[in-house]
């Protein structure tokens, strides 16, 4: 049987991936709320987050990872 910490970690990762695939901002926001819920549960168990904080802040700000390559390429052209 899967431990609670492993379940919360797995679900957080799955929901974050689903947020990246979300078509509407409302769907993305719902998925990110679930990510927050699972991360809170992990904190209650004194388990580390599967994500770095900078990545989560970027995603919560609505920046899409698929567009990250474009900004990086543009900054190298300047």
C-alpha atoms as a PDB file:
ATOM      1  CA  UNK A   1       0.000   0.000   0.000  1.00  0.00           C
ATOM      2  CA  UNK A   2       1.154   3.521  -0.835  1.00  0.00           C
ATOM      3  CA  UNK A   3       2.128   5.762   2.090  1.00  0.00           C
ATOM      4  CA  UNK A   4       0.270   9.030   2.692  1.00  0.00           C
ATOM      5  CA  UNK A   5       3.350  11.103   1.859  1.00  0.00           C
ATOM      6  CA  UNK A   6       3.943   9.267  -1.394  1.00  0.00           C
ATOM      7  CA  UNK A   7       0.274   9.637  -2.365  1.00  0.00           C
ATOM      8  CA  UNK A   8       0.256  13.401  -1.676  1.00  0.00           C
ATOM      9  CA  UNK A   9       3.533  13.861  -3.552  1.00  0.00           C
ATOM     10  CA  UNK A  10       2.264  11.879  -6.553  1.00  0.00           C
ATOM     11  CA  UNK A  11      -1.063  13.729  -6.636  1.00  0.00           C
ATOM     12  CA  UNK A  12       0.646  17.129  -6.401  1.00  0.00           C
ATOM     13  CA  UNK A  13       2.828  16.265  -9.384  1.00  0.00           C
ATOM     14  CA  UNK A  14      -0.167  14.955 -11.356  1.00  0.00           C
ATOM     15  CA  UNK A  15      -2.263  18.036 -10.615  1.00  0.00           C
ATOM     16  CA  UNK A  16       0.564  20.375 -11.560  1.00  0.00           C
ATOM     17  CA  UNK A  17       0.914  18.575 -14.881  1.00  0.00           C
ATOM     18  CA  UNK A  18      -2.862  18.860 -15.369  1.00  0.00           C
ATOM     19  CA  UNK A  19      -2.660  22.597 -14.605  1.00  0.00           C
ATOM     20  CA  UNK A  20      -0.068  22.943 -17.366  1.00  0.00           C
ATOM     21  CA  UNK A  21      -2.459  21.253 -19.788  1.00  0.00           C
ATOM     22  CA  UNK A  22      -5.527  23.223 -18.686  1.00  0.00           C
ATOM     23  CA  UNK A  23      -7.318  25.094 -21.439  1.00  0.00           C
ATOM     24  CA  UNK A  24      -8.983  27.771 -19.306  1.00  0.00           C
ATOM     25  CA  UNK A  25      -7.583  29.866 -16.500  1.00  0.00           C
ATOM     26  CA  UNK A  26     -10.399  28.661 -14.219  1.00  0.00           C
ATOM     27  CA  UNK A  27      -9.394  25.047 -14.770  1.00  0.00           C
ATOM     28  CA  UNK A  28      -5.727  25.929 -14.165  1.00  0.00           C
ATOM     29  CA  UNK A  29      -6.651  27.728 -10.935  1.00  0.00           C
ATOM     30  CA  UNK A  30      -8.648  24.732  -9.665  1.00  0.00           C
ATOM     31  CA  UNK A  31      -5.731  22.415 -10.378  1.00  0.00           C
ATOM     32  CA  UNK A  32      -3.293  24.741  -8.631  1.00  0.00           C
ATOM     33  CA  UNK A  33      -5.592  24.844  -5.587  1.00  0.00           C
ATOM     34  CA  UNK A  34      -5.381  21.063  -5.428  1.00  0.00           C
ATOM     35  CA  UNK A  35      -1.594  21.264  -5.695  1.00  0.00           C
ATOM     36  CA  UNK A  36      -1.622  23.623  -2.717  1.00  0.00           C
ATOM     37  CA  UNK A  37      -3.830  21.253  -0.760  1.00  0.00           C
ATOM     38  CA  UNK A  38      -1.513  18.296  -1.348  1.00  0.00           C
ATOM     39  CA  UNK A  39       1.552  20.379  -0.471  1.00  0.00           C
ATOM     40  CA  UNK A  40      -0.123  21.469   2.772  1.00  0.00           C
ATOM     41  CA  UNK A  41      -0.734  17.829   3.638  1.00  0.00           C
ATOM     42  CA  UNK A  42       2.925  17.050   2.942  1.00  0.00           C
ATOM     43  CA  UNK A  43       3.996  19.900   5.236  1.00  0.00           C
ATOM     44  CA  UNK A  44       1.777  18.516   7.995  1.00  0.00           C
ATOM     45  CA  UNK A  45       3.684  15.234   7.658  1.00  0.00           C
ATOM     46  CA  UNK A  46       7.045  17.102   7.716  1.00  0.00           C
ATOM     47  CA  UNK A  47       7.806  15.849   4.200  1.00  0.00           C
ATOM     48  CA  UNK A  48       9.688  17.899   1.597  1.00  0.00           C
ATOM     49  CA  UNK A  49       7.931  19.408  -1.386  1.00  0.00           C
ATOM     50  CA  UNK A  50       8.516  17.692  -4.739  1.00  0.00           C
ATOM     51  CA  UNK A  51       8.869  21.159  -6.345  1.00  0.00           C
ATOM     52  CA  UNK A  52      11.157  24.104  -5.899  1.00  0.00           C
ATOM     53  CA  UNK A  53       9.421  27.277  -4.724  1.00  0.00           C
ATOM     54  CA  UNK A  54      10.500  29.361  -7.721  1.00  0.00           C
ATOM     55  CA  UNK A  55       8.807  26.945 -10.111  1.00  0.00           C
ATOM     56  CA  UNK A  56       5.563  27.052  -8.123  1.00  0.00           C
ATOM     57  CA  UNK A  57       5.591  30.858  -7.984  1.00  0.00           C
ATOM     58  CA  UNK A  58       6.086  31.026 -11.747  1.00  0.00           C
ATOM     59  CA  UNK A  59       3.190  28.654 -12.362  1.00  0.00           C
ATOM     60  CA  UNK A  60       0.888  30.443  -9.938  1.00  0.00           C
ATOM     61  CA  UNK A  61       1.630  33.682 -11.776  1.00  0.00           C
ATOM     62  CA  UNK A  62       0.189  32.052 -14.887  1.00  0.00           C
ATOM     63  CA  UNK A  63       3.376  31.727 -16.877  1.00  0.00           C
ATOM     64  CA  UNK A  64       3.112  28.738 -19.163  1.00  0.00           C
ATOM     65  CA  UNK A  65       6.180  26.482 -19.333  1.00  0.00           C
ATOM     66  CA  UNK A  66       5.661  25.900 -23.056  1.00  0.00           C
ATOM     67  CA  UNK A  67       6.409  29.554 -23.669  1.00  0.00           C
ATOM     68  CA  UNK A  68       9.529  29.582 -21.512  1.00  0.00           C
ATOM     69  CA  UNK A  69      11.725  28.479 -24.381  1.00  0.00           C
ATOM     70  CA  UNK A  70      10.605  31.470 -26.448  1.00  0.00           C
ATOM     71  CA  UNK A  71      11.628  34.008 -23.809  1.00  0.00           C
ATOM     72  CA  UNK A  72      14.956  32.253 -23.330  1.00  0.00           C
ATOM     73  CA  UNK A  73      15.644  32.249 -27.074  1.00  0.00           C
ATOM     74  CA  UNK A  74      14.680  35.908 -27.409  1.00  0.00           C
ATOM     75  CA  UNK A  75      16.946  36.942 -24.545  1.00  0.00           C
ATOM     76  CA  UNK A  76      19.910  35.236 -26.236  1.00  0.00           C
ATOM     77  CA  UNK A  77      19.279  37.122 -29.490  1.00  0.00           C
ATOM     78  CA  UNK A  78      19.657  40.527 -27.825  1.00  0.00           C
END
